């Protein structure tokens, strides 16, 4: 029985360690803010569309997230 307790203690210590290590926000390596790619915008739009309750809901969510193309044809999230 003590073997399983040792395994549990080890797993808890590893879990605590991973939480501490991942608590910091990663920074861009070159100092410039990262740009959102067209592929990321497309995947975000598809995810919103899959989970929206209706077409109106989908459009409202896309607009709130900055995923609707602006007057210049570029969504705000990519500016």
C-alpha atoms as a PDB file:
ATOM      1  CA  UNK A   1       0.000   0.000   0.000  1.00  0.00           C
ATOM      2  CA  UNK A   2       2.844   2.427   0.693  1.00  0.00           C
ATOM      3  CA  UNK A   3       3.984   2.068  -2.930  1.00  0.00           C
ATOM      4  CA  UNK A   4       0.748   3.589  -4.220  1.00  0.00           C
ATOM      5  CA  UNK A   5       1.051   6.394  -1.670  1.00  0.00           C
ATOM      6  CA  UNK A   6       4.560   7.114  -2.922  1.00  0.00           C
ATOM      7  CA  UNK A   7       3.283   7.242  -6.506  1.00  0.00           C
ATOM      8  CA  UNK A   8       0.471   9.602  -5.487  1.00  0.00           C
ATOM      9  CA  UNK A   9       2.893  11.856  -3.624  1.00  0.00           C
ATOM     10  CA  UNK A  10       5.188  11.931  -6.664  1.00  0.00           C
ATOM     11  CA  UNK A  11       2.298  12.794  -9.014  1.00  0.00           C
ATOM     12  CA  UNK A  12       1.120  15.579  -6.697  1.00  0.00           C
ATOM     13  CA  UNK A  13       4.611  17.063  -6.557  1.00  0.00           C
ATOM     14  CA  UNK A  14       4.891  16.946 -10.357  1.00  0.00           C
ATOM     15  CA  UNK A  15       1.461  18.527 -10.756  1.00  0.00           C
ATOM     16  CA  UNK A  16       2.390  21.337  -8.363  1.00  0.00           C
ATOM     17  CA  UNK A  17       5.661  21.855 -10.234  1.00  0.00           C
ATOM     18  CA  UNK A  18       3.925  22.091 -13.632  1.00  0.00           C
ATOM     19  CA  UNK A  19       1.424  24.634 -12.281  1.00  0.00           C
ATOM     20  CA  UNK A  20       4.230  26.799 -10.928  1.00  0.00           C
ATOM     21  CA  UNK A  21       6.189  26.637 -14.173  1.00  0.00           C
ATOM     22  CA  UNK A  22       3.215  27.425 -16.412  1.00  0.00           C
ATOM     23  CA  UNK A  23       1.958  30.361 -14.356  1.00  0.00           C
ATOM     24  CA  UNK A  24       4.101  32.900 -16.205  1.00  0.00           C
ATOM     25  CA  UNK A  25       2.906  34.443 -19.454  1.00  0.00           C
ATOM     26  CA  UNK A  26       5.227  33.646 -22.371  1.00  0.00           C
ATOM     27  CA  UNK A  27       6.782  36.636 -24.107  1.00  0.00           C
ATOM     28  CA  UNK A  28       7.603  36.970 -27.796  1.00  0.00           C
ATOM     29  CA  UNK A  29      11.245  36.116 -28.397  1.00  0.00           C
ATOM     30  CA  UNK A  30      12.028  38.982 -30.748  1.00  0.00           C
ATOM     31  CA  UNK A  31      10.325  41.676 -28.672  1.00  0.00           C
ATOM     32  CA  UNK A  32       7.594  42.351 -31.257  1.00  0.00           C
ATOM     33  CA  UNK A  33       3.981  41.427 -30.583  1.00  0.00           C
ATOM     34  CA  UNK A  34       2.975  38.244 -32.357  1.00  0.00           C
ATOM     35  CA  UNK A  35       0.628  38.533 -35.297  1.00  0.00           C
ATOM     36  CA  UNK A  36      -2.449  36.394 -35.716  1.00  0.00           C
ATOM     37  CA  UNK A  37      -2.317  34.406 -38.930  1.00  0.00           C
ATOM     38  CA  UNK A  38      -5.135  33.994 -41.446  1.00  0.00           C
ATOM     39  CA  UNK A  39      -5.273  30.307 -40.486  1.00  0.00           C
ATOM     40  CA  UNK A  40      -5.819  31.177 -36.819  1.00  0.00           C
ATOM     41  CA  UNK A  41      -8.618  33.588 -37.741  1.00  0.00           C
ATOM     42  CA  UNK A  42     -10.223  30.911 -39.921  1.00  0.00           C
ATOM     43  CA  UNK A  43     -10.032  28.289 -37.155  1.00  0.00           C
ATOM     44  CA  UNK A  44     -11.482  30.748 -34.621  1.00  0.00           C
ATOM     45  CA  UNK A  45     -14.342  31.596 -36.976  1.00  0.00           C
ATOM     46  CA  UNK A  46     -15.091  27.919 -37.552  1.00  0.00           C
ATOM     47  CA  UNK A  47     -15.062  27.211 -33.831  1.00  0.00           C
ATOM     48  CA  UNK A  48     -17.490  30.069 -33.151  1.00  0.00           C
ATOM     49  CA  UNK A  49     -19.758  28.949 -36.011  1.00  0.00           C
ATOM     50  CA  UNK A  50     -19.826  25.349 -34.756  1.00  0.00           C
ATOM     51  CA  UNK A  51     -20.859  26.425 -31.261  1.00  0.00           C
ATOM     52  CA  UNK A  52     -23.253  29.279 -32.028  1.00  0.00           C
ATOM     53  CA  UNK A  53     -26.965  28.831 -31.333  1.00  0.00           C
ATOM     54  CA  UNK A  54     -28.098  30.730 -34.452  1.00  0.00           C
ATOM     55  CA  UNK A  55     -26.794  32.846 -37.309  1.00  0.00           C
ATOM     56  CA  UNK A  56     -27.434  36.026 -35.309  1.00  0.00           C
ATOM     57  CA  UNK A  57     -25.607  34.553 -32.321  1.00  0.00           C
ATOM     58  CA  UNK A  58     -22.687  33.591 -34.558  1.00  0.00           C
ATOM     59  CA  UNK A  59     -22.419  37.068 -36.074  1.00  0.00           C
ATOM     60  CA  UNK A  60     -22.617  38.739 -32.663  1.00  0.00           C
ATOM     61  CA  UNK A  61     -19.893  36.489 -31.229  1.00  0.00           C
ATOM     62  CA  UNK A  62     -17.634  36.974 -34.255  1.00  0.00           C
ATOM     63  CA  UNK A  63     -18.061  40.741 -33.977  1.00  0.00           C
ATOM     64  CA  UNK A  64     -17.348  40.730 -30.231  1.00  0.00           C
ATOM     65  CA  UNK A  65     -14.157  38.737 -30.801  1.00  0.00           C
ATOM     66  CA  UNK A  66     -12.957  41.013 -33.615  1.00  0.00           C
ATOM     67  CA  UNK A  67     -13.241  38.284 -36.233  1.00  0.00           C
ATOM     68  CA  UNK A  68     -15.537  40.152 -38.666  1.00  0.00           C
ATOM     69  CA  UNK A  69     -13.760  41.864 -41.559  1.00  0.00           C
ATOM     70  CA  UNK A  70     -13.604  45.640 -41.242  1.00  0.00           C
ATOM     71  CA  UNK A  71     -14.044  48.224 -44.001  1.00  0.00           C
ATOM     72  CA  UNK A  72     -10.503  47.508 -45.176  1.00  0.00           C
ATOM     73  CA  UNK A  73     -11.179  43.754 -45.415  1.00  0.00           C
ATOM     74  CA  UNK A  74      -8.991  42.928 -42.396  1.00  0.00           C
ATOM     75  CA  UNK A  75     -10.542  41.741 -39.137  1.00  0.00           C
ATOM     76  CA  UNK A  76      -9.613  43.881 -36.095  1.00  0.00           C
ATOM     77  CA  UNK A  77      -7.869  40.932 -34.472  1.00  0.00           C
ATOM     78  CA  UNK A  78      -5.231  40.991 -37.240  1.00  0.00           C
ATOM     79  CA  UNK A  79      -4.420  44.732 -37.051  1.00  0.00           C
END
